[in-house]
Structure formats: structure tokens, C-alpha cells
C-alpha atoms as a PDB file:
ATOM      1  CA  UNK A   1      12.522 -55.118  72.327  1.00  0.00           C
ATOM      2  CA  UNK A   2      12.556 -58.671  70.986  1.00  0.00           C
ATOM      3  CA  UNK A   3      11.027 -57.336  67.512  1.00  0.00           C
ATOM      4  CA  UNK A   4      13.674 -54.633  67.441  1.00  0.00           C
ATOM      5  CA  UNK A   5      16.411 -57.140  67.682  1.00  0.00           C
ATOM      6  CA  UNK A   6      14.754 -59.169  65.083  1.00  0.00           C
ATOM      7  CA  UNK A   7      14.225 -56.377  62.745  1.00  0.00           C
ATOM      8  CA  UNK A   8      18.347 -55.538  63.067  1.00  0.00           C
ATOM      9  CA  UNK A   9      19.801 -58.902  63.604  1.00  0.00           C
ATOM     10  CA  UNK A  10      21.784 -58.233  61.145  1.00  0.00           C
ATOM     11  CA  UNK A  11      22.762 -54.721  61.964  1.00  0.00           C
ATOM     12  CA  UNK A  12      23.636 -56.252  65.628  1.00  0.00           C
ATOM     13  CA  UNK A  13      25.600 -59.483  64.623  1.00  0.00           C
ATOM     14  CA  UNK A  14      27.849 -57.188  61.968  1.00  0.00           C
ATOM     15  CA  UNK A  15      28.936 -54.888  64.969  1.00  0.00           C
ATOM     16  CA  UNK A  16      29.308 -57.449  67.638  1.00  0.00           C
ATOM     17  CA  UNK A  17      31.668 -59.678  65.102  1.00  0.00           C
ATOM     18  CA  UNK A  18      33.912 -55.667  64.030  1.00  0.00           C
ATOM     19  CA  UNK A  19      33.962 -54.920  68.320  1.00  0.00           C
ATOM     20  CA  UNK A  20      35.132 -58.168  67.907  1.00  0.00           C
ATOM     21  CA  UNK A  21      38.016 -57.980  66.072  1.00  0.00           C
ATOM     22  CA  UNK A  22      38.951 -54.499  67.300  1.00  0.00           C
ATOM     23  CA  UNK A  23      39.310 -55.916  71.283  1.00  0.00           C
ATOM     24  CA  UNK A  24      41.531 -58.634  69.418  1.00  0.00           C
ATOM     25  CA  UNK A  25      43.405 -56.156  68.009  1.00  0.00           C
ATOM     26  CA  UNK A  26      43.970 -54.427  71.237  1.00  0.00           C
ATOM     27  CA  UNK A  27      44.584 -57.604  73.793  1.00  0.00           C
ATOM     28  CA  UNK A  28      47.335 -57.987  71.095  1.00  0.00           C
ATOM     29  CA  UNK A  29      48.717 -54.746  70.871  1.00  0.00           C
ATOM     30  CA  UNK A  30      48.313 -54.875  74.773  1.00  0.00           C
ATOM     31  CA  UNK A  31      50.236 -58.288  75.027  1.00  0.00           C
ATOM     32  CA  UNK A  32      53.398 -56.893  72.347  1.00  0.00           C
ATOM     33  CA  UNK A  33      54.014 -54.382  74.052  1.00  0.00           C
ATOM     34  CA  UNK A  34      53.914 -55.720  77.426  1.00  0.00           C
ATOM     35  CA  UNK A  35      56.113 -58.269  75.621  1.00  0.00           C
ATOM     36  CA  UNK A  36      58.663 -55.612  74.356  1.00  0.00           C
ATOM     37  CA  UNK A  37      57.380 -55.304  71.235  1.00  0.00           C
ATOM     38  CA  UNK A  38      56.848 -52.825  69.082  1.00  0.00           C
ATOM     39  CA  UNK A  39      56.929 -50.931  65.682  1.00  0.00           C
ATOM     40  CA  UNK A  40      59.396 -48.244  67.429  1.00  0.00           C
ATOM     41  CA  UNK A  41      59.291 -48.400  71.176  1.00  0.00           C
ATOM     42  CA  UNK A  42      63.013 -48.359  71.862  1.00  0.00           C
ATOM     43  CA  UNK A  43      64.260 -51.729  70.849  1.00  0.00           C
ATOM     44  CA  UNK A  44      66.421 -50.823  68.139  1.00  0.00           C
ATOM     45  CA  UNK A  45      68.573 -53.905  68.271  1.00  0.00           C
ATOM     46  CA  UNK A  46      67.528 -55.710  65.803  1.00  0.00           C
ATOM     47  CA  UNK A  47      66.136 -52.769  64.028  1.00  0.00           C
ATOM     48  CA  UNK A  48      67.957 -51.561  59.664  1.00  0.00           C
ATOM     49  CA  UNK A  49      67.014 -48.425  61.173  1.00  0.00           C
ATOM     50  CA  UNK A  50      68.960 -48.110  64.421  1.00  0.00           C
ATOM     51  CA  UNK A  51      71.896 -45.881  63.734  1.00  0.00           C
ATOM     52  CA  UNK A  52      69.203 -43.631  61.973  1.00  0.00           C
ATOM     53  CA  UNK A  53      66.849 -43.799  64.383  1.00  0.00           C
ATOM     54  CA  UNK A  54      66.911 -41.113  66.974  1.00  0.00           C
ATOM     55  CA  UNK A  55      68.359 -37.917  66.253  1.00  0.00           C
ATOM     56  CA  UNK A  56      71.100 -36.398  68.194  1.00  0.00           C
ATOM     57  CA  UNK A  57      68.596 -34.472  70.144  1.00  0.00           C
ATOM     58  CA  UNK A  58      66.700 -37.337  71.163  1.00  0.00           C
ATOM     59  CA  UNK A  59      63.663 -36.958  68.519  1.00  0.00           C
ATOM     60  CA  UNK A  60      62.596 -40.531  67.236  1.00  0.00           C
ATOM     61  CA  UNK A  61      62.486 -40.467  63.207  1.00  0.00           C
ATOM     62  CA  UNK A  62      61.563 -43.680  62.245  1.00  0.00           C
ATOM     63  CA  UNK A  63      59.474 -43.675  59.330  1.00  0.00           C
END
């Protein structure tokens, strides 16, 4: 087992770094979602498309 780890240490370290980055991105997205920040989640007060974003049928048509 130790030989396998030593032979693949580069691959393992890159995989761990990628996993940490993905985890951090997900954590930030969750934190932003809980605080009410989202790209188009209904907080339209400061959005420049606030009058055009939601059609008459209620469907979200943001770019």
C-alpha cells in the first residue's frame, strides 16, 4: 500500500487539491445562498433586469 502511494503521490496530491477547491466553491455557494445572495434567485431589487427578468407567466428569463 505504501508503495502504491509513493508511486502515485503526484496524482493523489493533485486530486486532493482539486477536491479542496471544489469543496471551497460549494461552501461559498451554500453560504451565499443562505445569506440571500444568488445570481438570479429572486433578489431582484438591485438587478438591472428587475423589470424584464420575470415574464408575465412568472418564468425566469434572466440572461
